[in-house]
N, C-alpha and C. Protein backbone atom coordinates (compact mmCIF):
# COMPACT_ATOMS: atom_id res chain seq x y z
N MET A 1 -91.62 158.75 120.76
CA MET A 1 -91.25 159.00 122.14
C MET A 1 -89.76 159.39 122.18
N TYR A 2 -89.46 160.41 122.93
CA TYR A 2 -88.09 160.91 123.03
C TYR A 2 -87.55 160.68 124.43
N GLN A 3 -86.29 160.25 124.48
CA GLN A 3 -85.64 159.96 125.75
C GLN A 3 -84.43 160.87 125.90
N ARG A 4 -84.28 161.43 127.09
CA ARG A 4 -83.12 162.26 127.36
C ARG A 4 -81.88 161.38 127.45
N VAL A 5 -80.80 161.82 126.78
CA VAL A 5 -79.55 161.07 126.75
C VAL A 5 -78.39 162.02 127.01
N SER A 6 -77.23 161.45 127.24
CA SER A 6 -76.03 162.26 127.43
C SER A 6 -75.61 162.87 126.09
N THR A 7 -74.80 163.91 126.18
CA THR A 7 -74.28 164.56 124.98
C THR A 7 -73.52 163.55 124.12
N GLU A 8 -72.69 162.73 124.78
CA GLU A 8 -71.89 161.74 124.06
C GLU A 8 -72.76 160.73 123.32
N GLU A 9 -73.79 160.22 123.99
CA GLU A 9 -74.67 159.23 123.37
C GLU A 9 -75.42 159.87 122.19
N PHE A 10 -75.86 161.10 122.38
CA PHE A 10 -76.59 161.80 121.32
C PHE A 10 -75.75 161.89 120.05
N PHE A 11 -74.53 162.39 120.17
CA PHE A 11 -73.70 162.59 118.98
C PHE A 11 -73.15 161.27 118.43
N LYS A 12 -73.08 160.24 119.24
CA LYS A 12 -72.68 158.92 118.74
C LYS A 12 -73.75 158.39 117.77
N VAL A 13 -75.01 158.67 118.08
CA VAL A 13 -76.11 158.22 117.21
C VAL A 13 -76.30 159.17 116.03
N ILE A 14 -76.29 160.47 116.28
CA ILE A 14 -76.56 161.47 115.24
C ILE A 14 -75.39 161.61 114.26
N GLY A 15 -74.17 161.48 114.76
CA GLY A 15 -72.97 161.71 113.95
C GLY A 15 -72.94 161.03 112.60
N PRO A 16 -73.21 159.72 112.52
CA PRO A 16 -73.13 159.05 111.22
C PRO A 16 -74.33 159.30 110.30
N LEU A 17 -75.38 159.93 110.80
CA LEU A 17 -76.59 160.15 110.01
C LEU A 17 -76.45 161.39 109.12
N ASN A 18 -77.17 161.39 108.03
CA ASN A 18 -77.22 162.53 107.11
C ASN A 18 -78.40 163.40 107.54
N VAL A 19 -78.11 164.38 108.42
CA VAL A 19 -79.19 165.19 109.00
C VAL A 19 -79.06 166.67 108.62
N THR A 20 -80.17 167.36 108.76
CA THR A 20 -80.19 168.81 108.65
C THR A 20 -80.59 169.36 110.01
N LEU A 21 -80.21 170.60 110.26
CA LEU A 21 -80.56 171.25 111.52
C LEU A 21 -81.63 172.29 111.27
N GLU A 22 -82.56 172.39 112.21
CA GLU A 22 -83.61 173.39 112.15
C GLU A 22 -83.68 174.06 113.51
N ILE A 23 -83.61 175.37 113.52
CA ILE A 23 -83.66 176.13 114.77
C ILE A 23 -85.09 176.61 114.98
N ARG A 24 -85.61 176.43 116.19
CA ARG A 24 -86.98 176.85 116.50
C ARG A 24 -87.00 177.78 117.70
N GLY A 25 -87.93 178.71 117.66
CA GLY A 25 -88.21 179.56 118.81
C GLY A 25 -87.20 180.68 119.01
N ASN A 26 -87.40 181.39 120.11
CA ASN A 26 -86.50 182.44 120.53
C ASN A 26 -85.49 181.87 121.50
N TYR A 27 -84.46 182.66 121.78
CA TYR A 27 -83.42 182.20 122.69
C TYR A 27 -84.02 181.89 124.05
N PRO A 28 -83.69 180.78 124.68
CA PRO A 28 -82.78 179.72 124.20
C PRO A 28 -83.48 178.86 123.15
N TYR A 29 -82.79 178.63 122.06
CA TYR A 29 -83.35 177.95 120.91
C TYR A 29 -83.49 176.45 121.14
N LYS A 30 -84.34 175.86 120.33
CA LYS A 30 -84.47 174.41 120.27
C LYS A 30 -83.92 174.01 118.90
N THR A 31 -82.98 173.07 118.87
CA THR A 31 -82.38 172.62 117.62
C THR A 31 -82.91 171.23 117.27
N LEU A 32 -83.54 171.13 116.11
CA LEU A 32 -84.09 169.86 115.64
C LEU A 32 -83.12 169.22 114.66
N PHE A 33 -82.93 167.93 114.78
CA PHE A 33 -82.07 167.15 113.89
C PHE A 33 -82.97 166.24 113.07
N ARG A 34 -83.09 166.54 111.77
CA ARG A 34 -83.97 165.78 110.88
C ARG A 34 -83.15 165.07 109.81
N LEU A 35 -83.59 163.88 109.44
CA LEU A 35 -82.95 163.17 108.33
C LEU A 35 -83.18 163.95 107.05
N LYS A 36 -82.14 164.09 106.24
CA LYS A 36 -82.28 164.78 104.95
C LYS A 36 -83.27 164.05 104.07
N GLN A 37 -83.21 162.75 104.08
CA GLN A 37 -84.10 161.92 103.27
C GLN A 37 -85.37 161.65 104.06
N GLY A 38 -86.45 162.30 103.75
CA GLY A 38 -87.73 162.03 104.40
C GLY A 38 -88.09 163.01 105.50
N GLY A 39 -87.12 163.70 106.07
CA GLY A 39 -87.41 164.73 107.06
C GLY A 39 -87.81 164.24 108.44
N LYS A 40 -87.60 162.97 108.73
CA LYS A 40 -88.00 162.43 110.04
C LYS A 40 -87.14 163.02 111.15
N LEU A 41 -87.78 163.46 112.21
CA LEU A 41 -87.09 164.01 113.37
C LEU A 41 -86.46 162.87 114.18
N VAL A 42 -85.13 162.87 114.28
CA VAL A 42 -84.43 161.80 114.99
C VAL A 42 -83.96 162.23 116.37
N GLY A 43 -83.91 163.54 116.61
CA GLY A 43 -83.50 164.02 117.92
C GLY A 43 -83.53 165.53 117.97
N PHE A 44 -83.37 166.05 119.19
CA PHE A 44 -83.31 167.50 119.34
C PHE A 44 -82.52 167.87 120.59
N GLU A 45 -82.10 169.14 120.60
CA GLU A 45 -81.38 169.70 121.74
C GLU A 45 -82.17 170.90 122.21
N GLU A 46 -82.35 170.99 123.52
CA GLU A 46 -83.10 172.09 124.11
C GLU A 46 -82.50 172.41 125.46
N HIS A 47 -82.03 173.64 125.62
CA HIS A 47 -81.45 174.09 126.89
C HIS A 47 -80.30 173.20 127.35
N GLU A 48 -79.44 172.81 126.41
CA GLU A 48 -78.28 171.95 126.67
C GLU A 48 -78.66 170.56 127.16
N ARG A 49 -79.85 170.13 126.82
CA ARG A 49 -80.32 168.77 127.11
C ARG A 49 -80.60 168.11 125.77
N TYR A 50 -80.21 166.85 125.63
CA TYR A 50 -80.30 166.15 124.37
C TYR A 50 -81.31 165.02 124.45
N TYR A 51 -82.09 164.86 123.37
CA TYR A 51 -83.15 163.85 123.32
C TYR A 51 -83.07 163.11 122.00
N LEU A 52 -83.27 161.79 122.06
CA LEU A 52 -83.29 160.95 120.86
C LEU A 52 -84.66 160.29 120.73
N ASN A 53 -85.06 160.07 119.48
CA ASN A 53 -86.28 159.32 119.19
C ASN A 53 -85.99 157.86 119.51
N VAL A 54 -86.58 157.34 120.56
CA VAL A 54 -86.27 156.00 121.06
C VAL A 54 -86.62 154.93 120.02
N GLU A 55 -87.73 155.08 119.32
CA GLU A 55 -88.12 154.07 118.34
C GLU A 55 -87.12 153.96 117.19
N ASP A 56 -86.48 155.09 116.81
CA ASP A 56 -85.56 155.09 115.68
C ASP A 56 -84.14 154.69 116.05
N THR A 57 -83.76 154.84 117.31
CA THR A 57 -82.35 154.66 117.68
C THR A 57 -82.09 153.37 118.46
N ARG A 58 -83.10 152.71 118.89
CA ARG A 58 -82.91 151.49 119.67
C ARG A 58 -83.38 150.29 118.86
N SER A 59 -82.68 149.19 119.01
CA SER A 59 -83.10 147.97 118.29
C SER A 59 -83.79 147.02 119.23
């Protein structure tokens, strides 16, 4: 399940992680943030809106 978050909250969570970026679709693109180890999708950006995987980012 993905939850919309602020830009600041998104990068606070994503910043310390070892992720790769994957661009999908035509403009406006969707950017996927995946862990390098295992390829799990931890968040994405779409149309300047940011989403985090709630199960992975919340304790």
